[in-house]
Amino acid sequence: MLPDLPDDDEWIRARLQLIGARIQARRMRQNLTQQAVFLAARIDRGTLQALEAGRGNPTFATLMRVAYALDMPLEDLVR
């Protein structure tokens, strides 16, 4: 039996904030600027800023690009 989804999307917002924190922490551990990451990932600055802030609705491709640019498995970013 599949679990029921919560009635609201707060769990999604919480997960996006966690993903953003992981991106920022990894970037800072590697001593990278946001500019270095958004250029390497081939996304725009606003997208990376929104991701790190836990906002927006990133595509799978965007998450794959950021994980690749940060040299981390996508699984580590989204789990």
PDB file of N, CA and C in Angstrom:
ATOM      1  N   MET A   1       0.841  -1.186   0.000  1.00  0.00           N
ATOM      2  CA  MET A   1       0.000   0.000   0.000  1.00  0.00           C
ATOM      3  C   MET A   1       0.885   1.248   0.000  1.00  0.00           C
ATOM      4  N   LEU A   2       0.533   2.207  -0.801  1.00  0.00           N
ATOM      5  CA  LEU A   2       1.289   3.454  -0.895  1.00  0.00           C
ATOM      6  C   LEU A   2       0.879   4.407   0.225  1.00  0.00           C
ATOM      7  N   PRO A   3       1.852   5.190   0.713  1.00  0.00           N
ATOM      8  CA  PRO A   3       1.502   6.152   1.769  1.00  0.00           C
ATOM      9  C   PRO A   3       0.676   7.305   1.197  1.00  0.00           C
ATOM     10  N   ASP A   4      -0.175   7.859   2.029  1.00  0.00           N
ATOM     11  CA  ASP A   4      -0.956   9.033   1.633  1.00  0.00           C
ATOM     12  C   ASP A   4      -0.079  10.273   1.691  1.00  0.00           C
ATOM     13  N   LEU A   5      -0.267  11.143   0.710  1.00  0.00           N
ATOM     14  CA  LEU A   5       0.439  12.415   0.729  1.00  0.00           C
ATOM     15  C   LEU A   5      -0.177  13.328   1.782  1.00  0.00           C
ATOM     16  N   PRO A   6       0.652  14.162   2.409  1.00  0.00           N
ATOM     17  CA  PRO A   6       0.080  15.151   3.336  1.00  0.00           C
ATOM     18  C   PRO A   6      -0.871  16.080   2.593  1.00  0.00           C
ATOM     19  N   ASP A   7      -1.762  16.711   3.343  1.00  0.00           N
ATOM     20  CA  ASP A   7      -2.759  17.597   2.739  1.00  0.00           C
ATOM     21  C   ASP A   7      -2.162  18.876   2.168  1.00  0.00           C
ATOM     22  N   ASP A   8      -0.997  19.277   2.661  1.00  0.00           N
ATOM     23  CA  ASP A   8      -0.378  20.496   2.131  1.00  0.00           C
ATOM     24  C   ASP A   8       1.005  20.163   1.565  1.00  0.00           C
ATOM     25  N   ASP A   9       1.635  21.151   0.966  1.00  0.00           N
ATOM     26  CA  ASP A   9       2.936  20.950   0.339  1.00  0.00           C
ATOM     27  C   ASP A   9       4.080  21.444   1.202  1.00  0.00           C
ATOM     28  N   GLU A  10       3.863  21.584   2.492  1.00  0.00           N
ATOM     29  CA  GLU A  10       4.934  22.047   3.379  1.00  0.00           C
ATOM     30  C   GLU A  10       6.133  21.102   3.337  1.00  0.00           C
ATOM     31  N   TRP A  11       5.887  19.823   3.192  1.00  0.00           N
ATOM     32  CA  TRP A  11       6.982  18.860   3.133  1.00  0.00           C
ATOM     33  C   TRP A  11       7.848  19.087   1.894  1.00  0.00           C
ATOM     34  N   ILE A  12       7.239  19.565   0.809  1.00  0.00           N
ATOM     35  CA  ILE A  12       8.010  19.875  -0.400  1.00  0.00           C
ATOM     36  C   ILE A  12       8.872  21.099  -0.156  1.00  0.00           C
ATOM     37  N   ARG A  13       8.306  22.129   0.445  1.00  0.00           N
ATOM     38  CA  ARG A  13       9.087  23.336   0.748  1.00  0.00           C
ATOM     39  C   ARG A  13      10.254  23.010   1.671  1.00  0.00           C
ATOM     40  N   ALA A  14      10.021  22.169   2.651  1.00  0.00           N
ATOM     41  CA  ALA A  14      11.089  21.777   3.577  1.00  0.00           C
ATOM     42  C   ALA A  14      12.192  21.026   2.838  1.00  0.00           C
ATOM     43  N   ARG A  15      11.813  20.168   1.913  1.00  0.00           N
ATOM     44  CA  ARG A  15      12.814  19.421   1.147  1.00  0.00           C
ATOM     45  C   ARG A  15      13.610  20.347   0.232  1.00  0.00           C
ATOM     46  N   LEU A  16      12.943  21.328  -0.386  1.00  0.00           N
ATOM     47  CA  LEU A  16      13.652  22.288  -1.231  1.00  0.00           C
ATOM     48  C   LEU A  16      14.645  23.109  -0.415  1.00  0.00           C
ATOM     49  N   GLN A  17      14.286  23.452   0.809  1.00  0.00           N
ATOM     50  CA  GLN A  17      15.209  24.188   1.673  1.00  0.00           C
ATOM     51  C   GLN A  17      16.414  23.322   2.032  1.00  0.00           C
ATOM     52  N   LEU A  18      16.189  22.058   2.269  1.00  0.00           N
ATOM     53  CA  LEU A  18      17.280  21.138   2.573  1.00  0.00           C
ATOM     54  C   LEU A  18      18.217  20.991   1.370  1.00  0.00           C
ATOM     55  N   ILE A  19      17.655  20.860   0.191  1.00  0.00           N
ATOM     56  CA  ILE A  19      18.470  20.769  -1.027  1.00  0.00           C
ATOM     57  C   ILE A  19      19.296  22.046  -1.198  1.00  0.00           C
ATOM     58  N   GLY A  20      18.667  23.193  -0.985  1.00  0.00           N
ATOM     59  CA  GLY A  20      19.386  24.462  -1.093  1.00  0.00           C
ATOM     60  C   GLY A  20      20.527  24.560  -0.102  1.00  0.00           C
ATOM     61  N   ALA A  21      20.302  24.108   1.109  1.00  0.00           N
ATOM     62  CA  ALA A  21      21.357  24.132   2.126  1.00  0.00           C
ATOM     63  C   ALA A  21      22.505  23.208   1.734  1.00  0.00           C
ATOM     64  N   ARG A  22      22.184  22.068   1.152  1.00  0.00           N
ATOM     65  CA  ARG A  22      23.231  21.140   0.701  1.00  0.00           C
ATOM     66  C   ARG A  22      24.054  21.741  -0.428  1.00  0.00           C
ATOM     67  N   ILE A  23      23.385  22.418  -1.358  1.00  0.00           N
ATOM     68  CA  ILE A  23      24.099  23.068  -2.462  1.00  0.00           C
ATOM     69  C   ILE A  23      25.050  24.119  -1.907  1.00  0.00           C
ATOM     70  N   GLN A  24      24.538  24.982  -1.055  1.00  0.00           N
ATOM     71  CA  GLN A  24      25.356  26.059  -0.512  1.00  0.00           C
ATOM     72  C   GLN A  24      26.515  25.507   0.317  1.00  0.00           C
ATOM     73  N   ALA A  25      26.258  24.508   1.136  1.00  0.00           N
ATOM     74  CA  ALA A  25      27.317  23.938   1.971  1.00  0.00           C
ATOM     75  C   ALA A  25      28.413  23.315   1.113  1.00  0.00           C
ATOM     76  N   ARG A  26      28.024  22.571   0.097  1.00  0.00           N
ATOM     77  CA  ARG A  26      29.008  21.941  -0.789  1.00  0.00           C
ATOM     78  C   ARG A  26      29.808  22.998  -1.532  1.00  0.00           C
ATOM     79  N   ARG A  27      29.135  24.024  -2.010  1.00  0.00           N
ATOM     80  CA  ARG A  27      29.818  25.101  -2.730  1.00  0.00           C
ATOM     81  C   ARG A  27      30.832  25.786  -1.825  1.00  0.00           C
ATOM     82  N   MET A  28      30.440  26.060  -0.611  1.00  0.00           N
ATOM     83  CA  MET A  28      31.333  26.751   0.317  1.00  0.00           C
ATOM     84  C   MET A  28      32.498  25.853   0.752  1.00  0.00           C
ATOM     85  N   ARG A  29      32.237  24.551   0.956  1.00  0.00           N
ATOM     86  CA  ARG A  29      33.328  23.626   1.300  1.00  0.00           C
ATOM     87  C   ARG A  29      34.371  23.563   0.191  1.00  0.00           C
ATOM     88  N   GLN A  30      33.908  23.715  -1.032  1.00  0.00           N
ATOM     89  CA  GLN A  30      34.824  23.687  -2.168  1.00  0.00           C
ATOM     90  C   GLN A  30      35.395  25.070  -2.478  1.00  0.00           C
ATOM     91  N   ASN A  31      35.011  26.037  -1.662  1.00  0.00           N
ATOM     92  CA  ASN A  31      35.515  27.405  -1.826  1.00  0.00           C
ATOM     93  C   ASN A  31      35.172  27.974  -3.204  1.00  0.00           C
ATOM     94  N   LEU A  32      33.934  27.734  -3.638  1.00  0.00           N
ATOM     95  CA  LEU A  32      33.466  28.207  -4.936  1.00  0.00           C
ATOM     96  C   LEU A  32      32.488  29.355  -4.763  1.00  0.00           C
ATOM     97  N   THR A  33      32.527  30.283  -5.686  1.00  0.00           N
ATOM     98  CA  THR A  33      31.538  31.362  -5.697  1.00  0.00           C
ATOM     99  C   THR A  33      30.285  30.870  -6.399  1.00  0.00           C
ATOM    100  N   GLN A  34      29.195  31.588  -6.172  1.00  0.00           N
ATOM    101  CA  GLN A  34      27.979  31.257  -6.915  1.00  0.00           C
ATOM    102  C   GLN A  34      28.237  31.378  -8.404  1.00  0.00           C
ATOM    103  N   GLN A  35      29.006  32.384  -8.800  1.00  0.00           N
ATOM    104  CA  GLN A  35      29.280  32.578 -10.222  1.00  0.00           C
ATOM    105  C   GLN A  35      29.983  31.360 -10.818  1.00  0.00           C
ATOM    106  N   ALA A  36      30.950  30.815 -10.113  1.00  0.00           N
ATOM    107  CA  ALA A  36      31.657  29.639 -10.626  1.00  0.00           C
ATOM    108  C   ALA A  36      30.683  28.476 -10.830  1.00  0.00           C
ATOM    109  N   VAL A  37      29.765  28.310  -9.903  1.00  0.00           N
ATOM    110  CA  VAL A  37      28.832  27.189  -9.988  1.00  0.00           C
ATOM    111  C   VAL A  37      27.798  27.407 -11.091  1.00  0.00           C
ATOM    112  N   PHE A  38      27.195  28.607 -11.151  1.00  0.00           N
ATOM    113  CA  PHE A  38      26.160  28.763 -12.186  1.00  0.00           C
ATOM    114  C   PHE A  38      26.759  28.734 -13.583  1.00  0.00           C
ATOM    115  N   LEU A  39      27.997  29.190 -13.736  1.00  0.00           N
ATOM    116  CA  LEU A  39      28.639  29.095 -15.047  1.00  0.00           C
ATOM    117  C   LEU A  39      28.964  27.643 -15.386  1.00  0.00           C
ATOM    118  N   ALA A  40      29.494  26.897 -14.425  1.00  0.00           N
ATOM    119  CA  ALA A  40      29.836  25.486 -14.669  1.00  0.00           C
ATOM    120  C   ALA A  40      28.583  24.661 -14.942  1.00  0.00           C
ATOM    121  N   ALA A  41      27.498  24.979 -14.241  1.00  0.00           N
ATOM    122  CA  ALA A  41      26.250  24.229 -14.402  1.00  0.00           C
ATOM    123  C   ALA A  41      25.442  24.697 -15.616  1.00  0.00           C
ATOM    124  N   ARG A  42      25.844  25.818 -16.198  1.00  0.00           N
ATOM    125  CA  ARG A  42      25.138  26.409 -17.345  1.00  0.00           C
ATOM    126  C   ARG A  42      23.681  26.722 -17.017  1.00  0.00           C
ATOM    127  N   ILE A  43      23.519  27.345 -15.852  1.00  0.00           N
ATOM    128  CA  ILE A  43      22.205  27.854 -15.446  1.00  0.00           C
ATOM    129  C   ILE A  43      22.377  29.337 -15.155  1.00  0.00           C
ATOM    130  N   ASP A  44      21.291  30.063 -14.995  1.00  0.00           N
ATOM    131  CA  ASP A  44      21.454  31.488 -14.719  1.00  0.00           C
ATOM    132  C   ASP A  44      21.606  31.736 -13.213  1.00  0.00           C
ATOM    133  N   ARG A  45      22.150  32.879 -12.925  1.00  0.00           N
ATOM    134  CA  ARG A  45      22.448  33.254 -11.542  1.00  0.00           C
ATOM    135  C   ARG A  45      21.202  33.178 -10.665  1.00  0.00           C
ATOM    136  N   GLY A  46      20.096  33.692 -11.155  1.00  0.00           N
ATOM    137  CA  GLY A  46      18.858  33.702 -10.382  1.00  0.00           C
ATOM    138  C   GLY A  46      18.385  32.307 -10.015  1.00  0.00           C
ATOM    139  N   THR A  47      18.598  31.363 -10.910  1.00  0.00           N
ATOM    140  CA  THR A  47      18.202  29.985 -10.626  1.00  0.00           C
ATOM    141  C   THR A  47      19.018  29.419  -9.477  1.00  0.00           C
ATOM    142  N   LEU A  48      20.325  29.639  -9.500  1.00  0.00           N
ATOM    143  CA  LEU A  48      21.171  29.145  -8.410  1.00  0.00           C
ATOM    144  C   LEU A  48      20.833  29.842  -7.100  1.00  0.00           C
ATOM    145  N   GLN A  49      20.620  31.141  -7.157  1.00  0.00           N
ATOM    146  CA  GLN A  49      20.259  31.871  -5.940  1.00  0.00           C
ATOM    147  C   GLN A  49      18.946  31.352  -5.364  1.00  0.00           C
ATOM    148  N   ALA A  50      17.970  31.088  -6.224  1.00  0.00           N
ATOM    149  CA  ALA A  50      16.693  30.564  -5.759  1.00  0.00           C
ATOM    150  C   ALA A  50      16.860  29.167  -5.170  1.00  0.00           C
ATOM    151  N   LEU A  51      17.669  28.339  -5.807  1.00  0.00           N
ATOM    152  CA  LEU A  51      17.921  26.999  -5.283  1.00  0.00           C
ATOM    153  C   LEU A  51      18.529  27.060  -3.888  1.00  0.00           C
ATOM    154  N   GLU A  52      19.566  27.869  -3.736  1.00  0.00           N
ATOM    155  CA  GLU A  52      20.232  27.965  -2.439  1.00  0.00           C
ATOM    156  C   GLU A  52      19.295  28.523  -1.369  1.00  0.00           C
ATOM    157  N   ALA A  53      18.352  29.341  -1.773  1.00  0.00           N
ATOM    158  CA  ALA A  53      17.390  29.912  -0.825  1.00  0.00           C
ATOM    159  C   ALA A  53      16.213  28.959  -0.565  1.00  0.00           C
ATOM    160  N   GLY A  54      16.180  27.829  -1.271  1.00  0.00           N
ATOM    161  CA  GLY A  54      15.099  26.869  -1.079  1.00  0.00           C
ATOM    162  C   GLY A  54      13.801  27.274  -1.738  1.00  0.00           C
ATOM    163  N   ARG A  55      13.915  28.093  -2.763  1.00  0.00           N
ATOM    164  CA  ARG A  55      12.724  28.558  -3.481  1.00  0.00           C
ATOM    165  C   ARG A  55      12.688  27.951  -4.882  1.00  0.00           C
ATOM    166  N   GLY A  56      11.579  28.141  -5.524  1.00  0.00           N
ATOM    167  CA  GLY A  56      11.440  27.719  -6.905  1.00  0.00           C
ATOM    168  C   GLY A  56      11.018  26.269  -7.036  1.00  0.00           C
ATOM    169  N   ASN A  57      11.034  25.816  -8.258  1.00  0.00           N
ATOM    170  CA  ASN A  57      10.655  24.448  -8.576  1.00  0.00           C
ATOM    171  C   ASN A  57      11.647  23.950  -9.624  1.00  0.00           C
ATOM    172  N   PRO A  58      12.837  23.534  -9.183  1.00  0.00           N
ATOM    173  CA  PRO A  58      13.882  23.185 -10.146  1.00  0.00           C
ATOM    174  C   PRO A  58      13.511  21.956 -10.963  1.00  0.00           C
ATOM    175  N   THR A  59      13.955  21.954 -12.189  1.00  0.00           N
ATOM    176  CA  THR A  59      13.758  20.774 -13.031  1.00  0.00           C
ATOM    177  C   THR A  59      14.785  19.719 -12.642  1.00  0.00           C
ATOM    178  N   PHE A  60      14.510  18.505 -13.055  1.00  0.00           N
ATOM    179  CA  PHE A  60      15.448  17.415 -12.837  1.00  0.00           C
ATOM    180  C   PHE A  60      16.782  17.740 -13.509  1.00  0.00           C
ATOM    181  N   ALA A  61      16.722  18.282 -14.715  1.00  0.00           N
ATOM    182  CA  ALA A  61      17.938  18.625 -15.450  1.00  0.00           C
ATOM    183  C   ALA A  61      18.764  19.673 -14.697  1.00  0.00           C
ATOM    184  N   THR A  62      18.100  20.662 -14.109  1.00  0.00           N
ATOM    185  CA  THR A  62      18.819  21.684 -13.348  1.00  0.00           C
ATOM    186  C   THR A  62      19.521  21.059 -12.148  1.00  0.00           C
ATOM    187  N   LEU A  63      18.834  20.192 -11.429  1.00  0.00           N
ATOM    188  CA  LEU A  63      19.454  19.527 -10.284  1.00  0.00           C
ATOM    189  C   LEU A  63      20.630  18.661 -10.729  1.00  0.00           C
ATOM    190  N   MET A  64      20.495  17.990 -11.866  1.00  0.00           N
ATOM    191  CA  MET A  64      21.599  17.181 -12.389  1.00  0.00           C
ATOM    192  C   MET A  64      22.797  18.059 -12.730  1.00  0.00           C
ATOM    193  N   ARG A  65      22.552  19.212 -13.347  1.00  0.00           N
ATOM    194  CA  ARG A  65      23.638  20.128 -13.711  1.00  0.00           C
ATOM    195  C   ARG A  65      24.367  20.650 -12.483  1.00  0.00           C
ATOM    196  N   VAL A  66      23.617  21.032 -11.466  1.00  0.00           N
ATOM    197  CA  VAL A  66      24.237  21.569 -10.246  1.00  0.00           C
ATOM    198  C   VAL A  66      25.037  20.478  -9.547  1.00  0.00           C
ATOM    199  N   ALA A  67      24.480  19.291  -9.434  1.00  0.00           N
ATOM    200  CA  ALA A  67      25.208  18.191  -8.798  1.00  0.00           C
ATOM    201  C   ALA A  67      26.504  17.896  -9.550  1.00  0.00           C
ATOM    202  N   TYR A  68      26.436  17.887 -10.856  1.00  0.00           N
ATOM    203  CA  TYR A  68      27.625  17.639 -11.665  1.00  0.00           C
ATOM    204  C   TYR A  68      28.667  18.743 -11.454  1.00  0.00           C
ATOM    205  N   ALA A  69      28.217  19.992 -11.460  1.00  0.00           N
ATOM    206  CA  ALA A  69      29.142  21.114 -11.273  1.00  0.00           C
ATOM    207  C   ALA A  69      29.803  21.065  -9.899  1.00  0.00           C
ATOM    208  N   LEU A  70      29.088  20.557  -8.910  1.00  0.00           N
ATOM    209  CA  LEU A  70      29.631  20.465  -7.551  1.00  0.00           C
ATOM    210  C   LEU A  70      30.327  19.124  -7.299  1.00  0.00           C
ATOM    211  N   ASP A  71      30.426  18.301  -8.337  1.00  0.00           N
ATOM    212  CA  ASP A  71      31.091  17.004  -8.251  1.00  0.00           C
ATOM    213  C   ASP A  71      30.517  16.159  -7.114  1.00  0.00           C
ATOM    214  N   MET A  72      29.195  16.065  -7.125  1.00  0.00           N
ATOM    215  CA  MET A  72      28.519  15.251  -6.118  1.00  0.00           C
ATOM    216  C   MET A  72      27.437  14.417  -6.784  1.00  0.00           C
ATOM    217  N   PRO A  73      27.181  13.225  -6.268  1.00  0.00           N
ATOM    218  CA  PRO A  73      26.104  12.416  -6.835  1.00  0.00           C
ATOM    219  C   PRO A  73      24.753  13.111  -6.635  1.00  0.00           C
ATOM    220  N   LEU A  74      23.918  13.033  -7.635  1.00  0.00           N
ATOM    221  CA  LEU A  74      22.578  13.630  -7.538  1.00  0.00           C
ATOM    222  C   LEU A  74      21.852  13.077  -6.318  1.00  0.00           C
ATOM    223  N   GLU A  75      22.041  11.815  -6.047  1.00  0.00           N
ATOM    224  CA  GLU A  75      21.389  11.178  -4.892  1.00  0.00           C
ATOM    225  C   GLU A  75      21.741  11.894  -3.593  1.00  0.00           C
ATOM    226  N   ASP A  76      23.003  12.301  -3.431  1.00  0.00           N
ATOM    227  CA  ASP A  76      23.415  13.005  -2.206  1.00  0.00           C
ATOM    228  C   ASP A  76      22.754  14.378  -2.095  1.00  0.00           C
ATOM    229  N   LEU A  77      22.436  14.960  -3.224  1.00  0.00           N
ATOM    230  CA  LEU A  77      21.810  16.268  -3.226  1.00  0.00           C
ATOM    231  C   LEU A  77      20.340  16.184  -2.835  1.00  0.00           C
ATOM    232  N   VAL A  78      19.629  15.187  -3.308  1.00  0.00           N
ATOM    233  CA  VAL A  78      18.172  15.165  -3.140  1.00  0.00           C
ATOM    234  C   VAL A  78      17.647  14.203  -2.077  1.00  0.00           C
ATOM    235  N   ARG A  79      18.487  13.388  -1.489  1.00  0.00           N
ATOM    236  CA  ARG A  79      17.974  12.422  -0.506  1.00  0.00           C
ATOM    237  C   ARG A  79      17.560  13.077   0.782  1.00  0.00           C
TER     238      ARG A  79
END
